[in-house]
N, C-alpha and C. Protein backbone atom coordinates (compact mmCIF):
# COMPACT_ATOMS: atom_id res chain seq x y z
N MET A 1 -61.95 183.61 -41.50
CA MET A 1 -60.35 183.53 -41.39
C MET A 1 -59.56 184.72 -41.33
N SER A 2 -59.00 184.88 -40.36
CA SER A 2 -58.37 186.20 -40.18
C SER A 2 -57.27 186.79 -41.29
N ALA A 3 -57.64 187.64 -41.65
CA ALA A 3 -56.51 188.56 -42.70
C ALA A 3 -55.59 188.29 -42.60
N GLY A 4 -54.90 188.36 -41.80
CA GLY A 4 -53.20 188.43 -42.03
C GLY A 4 -52.15 187.30 -41.38
N VAL A 5 -53.44 185.62 -41.50
CA VAL A 5 -52.61 184.33 -41.68
C VAL A 5 -52.48 184.38 -43.12
N ASN A 6 -50.96 184.41 -43.48
CA ASN A 6 -50.43 183.82 -44.62
C ASN A 6 -51.13 182.25 -44.87
N PRO A 7 -51.97 182.03 -45.79
CA PRO A 7 -52.18 180.09 -45.86
C PRO A 7 -51.13 178.97 -46.37
N VAL A 8 -50.43 179.75 -47.18
CA VAL A 8 -49.16 178.63 -46.89
C VAL A 8 -48.00 178.65 -46.12
N LEU A 9 -48.07 180.06 -45.48
CA LEU A 9 -47.35 179.65 -44.57
C LEU A 9 -47.87 179.05 -43.11
N ALA A 10 -48.78 179.11 -42.95
CA ALA A 10 -49.51 178.30 -42.03
C ALA A 10 -49.43 177.05 -42.19
N GLY A 11 -49.94 176.74 -43.39
CA GLY A 11 -49.72 175.26 -43.57
C GLY A 11 -48.68 174.58 -43.54
N LEU A 12 -47.62 175.37 -44.00
CA LEU A 12 -46.37 174.78 -44.10
C LEU A 12 -45.67 174.67 -42.77
N ALA A 13 -46.37 175.32 -41.70
CA ALA A 13 -45.60 175.19 -40.25
C ALA A 13 -47.28 174.57 -39.87
N CYS A 14 -47.91 174.02 -40.11
CA CYS A 14 -48.36 172.98 -39.38
C CYS A 14 -49.74 173.78 -38.48
N ARG A 15 -49.87 174.93 -39.09
CA ARG A 15 -50.39 175.66 -37.60
C ARG A 15 -52.29 175.64 -38.27
N CYS A 16 -53.21 176.04 -37.35
CA CYS A 16 -54.35 176.68 -38.10
C CYS A 16 -54.54 177.84 -39.12
N PRO A 17 -55.39 176.83 -39.88
CA PRO A 17 -55.53 178.02 -41.36
C PRO A 17 -56.31 179.61 -40.83
N SER A 18 -56.86 179.71 -39.55
CA SER A 18 -57.38 181.10 -39.61
C SER A 18 -56.52 181.81 -38.30
N CYS A 19 -56.06 180.75 -37.57
CA CYS A 19 -55.49 181.69 -36.81
C CYS A 19 -54.04 181.88 -36.52
N GLY A 20 -53.52 180.51 -37.00
CA GLY A 20 -51.96 180.59 -37.19
C GLY A 20 -51.25 179.97 -36.30
N LYS A 21 -51.68 179.89 -35.46
CA LYS A 21 -50.88 179.10 -33.67
C LYS A 21 -51.37 177.89 -33.53
N GLY A 22 -52.77 177.87 -33.63
CA GLY A 22 -52.99 176.05 -32.69
C GLY A 22 -52.12 175.44 -33.87
N PRO A 23 -52.36 174.05 -32.94
CA PRO A 23 -51.72 173.00 -33.99
C PRO A 23 -53.13 172.67 -35.45
N LEU A 24 -52.22 171.84 -36.54
CA LEU A 24 -53.65 171.37 -37.64
C LEU A 24 -53.77 170.01 -37.42
N PHE A 25 -52.65 169.34 -36.79
CA PHE A 25 -52.93 167.84 -36.81
C PHE A 25 -52.64 167.26 -35.64
N SER A 26 -53.39 166.23 -35.43
CA SER A 26 -53.45 166.10 -33.98
C SER A 26 -52.71 164.43 -33.83
N GLY A 27 -52.29 164.02 -34.87
CA GLY A 27 -51.33 163.01 -35.21
C GLY A 27 -50.29 163.08 -36.03
N PHE A 28 -49.56 161.88 -36.51
CA PHE A 28 -49.11 162.42 -37.95
C PHE A 28 -49.70 162.96 -39.23
N LEU A 29 -50.64 162.04 -39.51
CA LEU A 29 -51.77 162.80 -40.58
C LEU A 29 -52.71 163.38 -40.27
N LYS A 30 -53.13 162.82 -39.29
CA LYS A 30 -54.86 162.85 -38.68
C LYS A 30 -54.97 164.42 -38.66
N VAL A 31 -56.33 165.54 -38.71
CA VAL A 31 -56.28 166.56 -38.66
C VAL A 31 -57.29 166.41 -37.22
N SER A 32 -56.69 167.67 -36.36
CA SER A 32 -57.10 167.53 -35.19
C SER A 32 -59.20 168.33 -35.34
N ASP A 33 -59.95 167.52 -34.51
CA ASP A 33 -61.16 168.14 -34.49
C ASP A 33 -61.62 169.51 -34.24
N GLN A 34 -60.65 170.59 -33.86
CA GLN A 34 -61.09 171.99 -33.82
C GLN A 34 -59.45 172.55 -32.93
N CYS A 35 -59.39 173.27 -33.65
CA CYS A 35 -58.21 174.88 -33.46
C CYS A 35 -58.40 175.03 -31.90
N LYS A 36 -57.56 174.29 -31.32
CA LYS A 36 -57.28 174.83 -29.66
C LYS A 36 -57.28 176.16 -29.13
N VAL A 37 -56.82 176.95 -30.15
CA VAL A 37 -56.78 178.11 -29.72
C VAL A 37 -57.99 179.31 -30.15
N CYS A 38 -58.40 178.83 -31.64
CA CYS A 38 -59.49 180.01 -32.20
C CYS A 38 -60.56 179.37 -32.02
N GLY A 39 -60.58 178.05 -32.01
CA GLY A 39 -62.17 177.10 -32.02
C GLY A 39 -62.40 176.55 -33.18
N LEU A 40 -61.86 177.16 -34.32
CA LEU A 40 -62.51 176.60 -35.65
C LEU A 40 -62.63 175.43 -36.09
N ASP A 41 -63.90 175.20 -36.57
CA ASP A 41 -63.85 173.47 -36.83
C ASP A 41 -63.17 172.94 -37.98
N LEU A 42 -62.44 171.95 -37.76
CA LEU A 42 -61.33 171.66 -38.78
C LEU A 42 -61.91 170.03 -39.19
N LYS A 43 -63.11 169.75 -38.40
CA LYS A 43 -63.96 168.21 -39.36
C LYS A 43 -63.88 167.97 -40.74
N VAL A 44 -64.84 169.37 -40.81
CA VAL A 44 -65.15 169.71 -42.88
C VAL A 44 -63.65 169.59 -43.78
N ALA A 45 -63.05 169.84 -43.12
CA ALA A 45 -61.23 169.88 -43.91
C ALA A 45 -60.74 168.29 -44.32
N ASP A 46 -61.11 168.40 -45.83
CA ASP A 46 -60.52 166.81 -46.62
C ASP A 46 -59.44 167.54 -47.26
N SER A 47 -58.35 166.85 -47.46
CA SER A 47 -57.16 167.06 -48.46
C SER A 47 -57.26 166.03 -49.73
N GLY A 48 -57.97 164.80 -49.48
CA GLY A 48 -57.96 163.92 -50.25
C GLY A 48 -56.40 163.49 -50.61
N ASP A 49 -56.47 162.82 -51.78
CA ASP A 49 -55.40 162.10 -52.00
C ASP A 49 -54.44 163.68 -53.08
N GLY A 50 -54.60 164.59 -52.67
CA GLY A 50 -53.90 165.56 -53.49
C GLY A 50 -52.48 166.08 -52.94
N PRO A 51 -52.06 165.99 -51.51
CA PRO A 51 -50.97 165.99 -51.16
C PRO A 51 -49.79 164.93 -51.38
N ALA A 52 -50.67 164.03 -51.82
CA ALA A 52 -49.70 162.41 -52.41
C ALA A 52 -49.40 162.69 -53.84
N VAL A 53 -50.44 162.74 -54.58
CA VAL A 53 -50.01 163.35 -55.95
C VAL A 53 -49.00 164.30 -56.14
N PHE A 54 -48.84 165.01 -55.51
CA PHE A 54 -48.09 166.15 -55.72
C PHE A 54 -46.48 165.77 -54.89
N ILE A 55 -46.35 164.97 -54.62
CA ILE A 55 -45.31 164.75 -53.69
C ILE A 55 -44.80 163.61 -54.57
N ILE A 56 -45.88 162.51 -55.25
CA ILE A 56 -45.03 161.77 -55.96
C ILE A 56 -44.15 162.07 -57.30
N LEU A 57 -44.88 163.20 -57.57
CA LEU A 57 -44.79 164.02 -59.16
C LEU A 57 -42.99 164.65 -58.85
N PHE A 58 -43.35 165.26 -57.06
CA PHE A 58 -42.20 166.28 -57.14
C PHE A 58 -41.04 164.98 -56.60
N VAL A 59 -41.33 164.61 -55.58
CA VAL A 59 -39.59 163.46 -55.67
C VAL A 59 -39.67 162.21 -56.33
N GLY A 60 -40.70 161.93 -57.47
CA GLY A 60 -40.16 161.09 -58.67
C GLY A 60 -39.53 161.85 -59.96
N CYS A 61 -39.94 162.99 -59.79
CA CYS A 61 -38.57 163.95 -60.55
C CYS A 61 -37.51 163.73 -59.98
N LEU A 62 -37.61 164.61 -59.34
CA LEU A 62 -35.87 164.77 -58.01
C LEU A 62 -34.89 163.14 -58.24
N MET A 63 -35.70 162.76 -57.78
CA MET A 63 -34.87 160.88 -57.58
C MET A 63 -35.16 160.63 -58.83
N GLY A 64 -36.07 160.59 -59.82
CA GLY A 64 -35.42 160.52 -60.85
C GLY A 64 -34.37 160.84 -61.83
N PHE A 65 -34.30 162.10 -61.73
CA PHE A 65 -33.10 162.26 -63.11
C PHE A 65 -31.90 162.61 -61.76
N GLY A 66 -31.97 162.64 -60.40
CA GLY A 66 -30.79 162.32 -59.94
C GLY A 66 -30.05 160.86 -59.97
N ALA A 67 -31.03 160.38 -59.65
CA ALA A 67 -30.38 158.34 -60.46
C ALA A 67 -30.07 158.52 -61.65
N LEU A 68 -30.70 159.24 -62.66
CA LEU A 68 -29.96 159.16 -64.25
C LEU A 68 -29.00 159.55 -63.95
N ILE A 69 -28.28 161.07 -63.39
CA ILE A 69 -27.52 162.04 -63.32
C ILE A 69 -26.20 160.59 -62.84
N THR A 70 -26.69 160.39 -61.74
CA THR A 70 -25.95 159.59 -61.31
C THR A 70 -25.21 157.87 -62.02
N GLU A 71 -25.80 158.00 -62.63
CA GLU A 71 -25.73 156.46 -63.02
C GLU A 71 -25.02 156.89 -65.06
N ILE A 72 -25.04 158.20 -65.19
CA ILE A 72 -24.28 158.35 -66.21
C ILE A 72 -22.96 158.88 -65.69
N GLU A 73 -22.80 159.50 -64.82
CA GLU A 73 -21.68 160.52 -64.54
C GLU A 73 -20.63 159.33 -63.30
N VAL A 74 -21.31 158.26 -62.53
CA VAL A 74 -20.66 157.21 -61.57
C VAL A 74 -20.10 156.06 -62.62
N HIS A 75 -21.65 155.56 -63.24
CA HIS A 75 -21.43 154.04 -63.22
C HIS A 75 -21.73 153.58 -61.99
N PRO A 76 -22.13 153.33 -61.36
CA PRO A 76 -22.34 152.82 -59.90
C PRO A 76 -23.14 151.30 -60.09
N PRO A 77 -23.06 150.27 -59.42
CA PRO A 77 -23.79 149.24 -59.48
C PRO A 77 -25.38 149.20 -59.21
N VAL A 78 -26.30 148.43 -59.40
CA VAL A 78 -27.32 148.31 -59.17
C VAL A 78 -28.29 148.50 -57.38
N TRP A 79 -26.95 148.25 -57.08
CA TRP A 79 -27.04 147.93 -55.59
C TRP A 79 -27.14 149.06 -54.88
N VAL A 80 -26.10 149.67 -55.29
CA VAL A 80 -25.68 151.03 -55.09
C VAL A 80 -26.67 152.08 -55.19
N HIS A 81 -27.22 152.17 -56.48
CA HIS A 81 -28.59 152.99 -56.51
C HIS A 81 -29.79 152.53 -55.17
N MET A 82 -30.16 151.05 -55.25
CA MET A 82 -31.07 150.95 -54.40
C MET A 82 -30.75 151.26 -53.09
N ILE A 83 -29.41 151.25 -52.69
CA ILE A 83 -29.08 151.85 -51.49
C ILE A 83 -29.18 153.48 -50.82
N ILE A 84 -28.96 154.13 -52.24
CA ILE A 84 -28.82 155.67 -51.92
C ILE A 84 -30.85 155.97 -52.48
N TRP A 85 -31.25 155.95 -53.22
CA TRP A 85 -32.11 156.23 -53.75
C TRP A 85 -33.52 155.74 -53.26
N LEU A 86 -33.76 154.63 -52.51
CA LEU A 86 -34.85 154.04 -52.38
C LEU A 86 -34.56 154.97 -50.71
N PRO A 87 -33.67 154.36 -49.54
CA PRO A 87 -34.66 155.55 -48.60
C PRO A 87 -34.61 157.00 -48.64
N LEU A 88 -33.61 157.42 -49.88
CA LEU A 88 -33.96 158.91 -49.87
C LEU A 88 -35.27 159.64 -50.46
N THR A 89 -35.97 158.54 -51.35
CA THR A 89 -37.33 158.59 -51.32
C THR A 89 -38.17 158.21 -50.82
N ALA A 90 -37.85 157.30 -49.56
CA ALA A 90 -38.87 157.40 -48.96
C ALA A 90 -38.87 158.38 -48.16
N ILE A 91 -37.45 158.69 -47.57
CA ILE A 91 -37.59 159.87 -46.59
C ILE A 91 -38.42 161.10 -46.62
N LEU A 92 -37.84 161.68 -48.31
CA LEU A 92 -38.59 162.54 -48.75
C LEU A 92 -39.83 162.67 -48.73
N CYS A 93 -40.27 161.10 -49.15
CA CYS A 93 -41.96 161.70 -49.39
C CYS A 93 -42.40 161.46 -47.91
N LEU A 94 -41.99 161.05 -46.60
CA LEU A 94 -42.85 161.05 -45.46
C LEU A 94 -42.21 162.40 -45.06
N ALA A 95 -41.19 163.05 -45.33
CA ALA A 95 -40.86 164.37 -44.78
C ALA A 95 -41.96 165.78 -45.25
N LEU A 96 -42.29 165.22 -46.46
CA LEU A 96 -43.03 166.36 -47.40
C LEU A 96 -44.53 165.97 -47.35
N LEU A 97 -44.82 164.94 -46.75
CA LEU A 97 -46.54 164.89 -46.59
C LEU A 97 -47.30 165.70 -46.02
N ARG A 98 -46.49 165.95 -44.38
CA ARG A 98 -47.43 166.52 -43.68
C ARG A 98 -47.36 168.36 -43.87
N PRO A 99 -46.41 168.66 -44.20
CA PRO A 99 -46.60 170.08 -44.94
C PRO A 99 -46.96 170.07 -46.02
N PHE A 100 -46.95 169.57 -46.91
CA PHE A 100 -48.00 169.48 -48.45
C PHE A 100 -49.52 169.53 -48.00
N LYS A 101 -49.99 168.37 -46.91
CA LYS A 101 -51.40 168.33 -46.93
C LYS A 101 -51.81 169.75 -45.89
N GLY A 102 -50.73 169.78 -45.22
CA GLY A 102 -51.06 171.53 -44.03
C GLY A 102 -51.34 172.83 -45.28
N VAL A 103 -50.52 172.70 -46.30
CA VAL A 103 -50.92 173.74 -47.19
C VAL A 103 -52.27 173.34 -48.00
N MET A 104 -52.32 172.23 -48.55
CA MET A 104 -53.38 172.04 -48.94
C MET A 104 -54.79 172.46 -48.26
N LEU A 105 -55.04 172.28 -47.04
CA LEU A 105 -55.89 172.35 -46.29
C LEU A 105 -56.12 173.89 -45.91
N ALA A 106 -54.85 174.49 -45.57
CA ALA A 106 -54.89 175.98 -45.21
C ALA A 106 -55.95 176.55 -46.41
N MET A 107 -55.40 176.43 -47.61
CA MET A 107 -55.50 176.62 -49.23
C MET A 107 -57.39 176.25 -49.14
N GLN A 108 -57.66 175.14 -48.84
CA GLN A 108 -59.21 174.96 -48.97
C GLN A 108 -59.79 175.76 -47.79
N PHE A 109 -59.35 176.04 -46.77
CA PHE A 109 -60.05 177.15 -45.71
C PHE A 109 -60.07 178.80 -46.21
N HIS A 110 -58.84 178.94 -46.83
CA HIS A 110 -58.60 179.99 -47.28
C HIS A 110 -59.62 180.29 -48.71
N HIS A 111 -59.99 179.59 -49.29
CA HIS A 111 -60.69 179.73 -50.57
C HIS A 111 -62.12 179.62 -50.24
N ARG A 112 -62.28 179.12 -49.33
CA ARG A 112 -63.32 178.26 -48.93
C ARG A 112 -64.14 177.59 -49.59
N ALA A 113 -63.30 176.85 -50.09
CA ALA A 113 -63.89 175.38 -51.08
C ALA A 113 -64.11 174.04 -50.09
N SER A 114 -65.08 173.21 -51.00
CA SER A 114 -65.09 172.19 -50.36
C SER A 114 -64.94 171.17 -51.20
N GLU A 115 -65.19 169.80 -50.77
CA GLU A 115 -65.23 168.67 -51.58
C GLU A 115 -66.25 168.84 -52.62
N ALA A 116 -66.01 168.57 -54.09
CA ALA A 116 -66.64 168.44 -54.80
C ALA A 116 -67.74 169.76 -55.36
N GLY A 117 -66.91 170.93 -54.18
CA GLY A 117 -68.05 172.20 -54.70
C GLY A 117 -69.22 172.19 -54.04
N GLY A 118 -69.74 171.27 -53.08
CA GLY A 118 -71.05 171.25 -52.53
C GLY A 118 -71.60 171.93 -51.61
N GLY A 119 -70.36 172.85 -50.74
CA GLY A 119 -70.99 173.63 -49.63
C GLY A 119 -69.51 174.27 -49.22
N ASP A 120 -69.78 175.21 -48.74
CA ASP A 120 -68.79 176.33 -48.11
C ASP A 120 -68.49 175.68 -46.55
N VAL A 121 -66.95 175.99 -46.47
CA VAL A 121 -66.35 175.45 -45.37
C VAL A 121 -66.18 176.78 -44.34
N GLN A 122 -66.31 176.44 -43.01
CA GLN A 122 -66.08 178.00 -42.53
C GLN A 122 -65.07 178.38 -41.90
């Protein structure tokens, strides 16, 4: 791993955790097999459900408090809440999933962690 690459910034940019230049994903959430720039083997990377859990907690709190404050201040009908908060929740979850997964994968490589602590990732 290159000493000059910040794993958080590389993850947020969805770039290779080693060189910070190559794309981390080959699809929306599918991790590339190998970095096209430095050749780092990305097949061993597995973030599991971690990004989804963080996003559920973060977006859930944000949307819950937003809906509560809106209800207390404005008292809109239920259908207005559904039109505002359901799409906003879905959009935020989808927008945050890729960068959160990128950060978790980059941190996994940075700390040389692996699933269940069974071995080192390269």
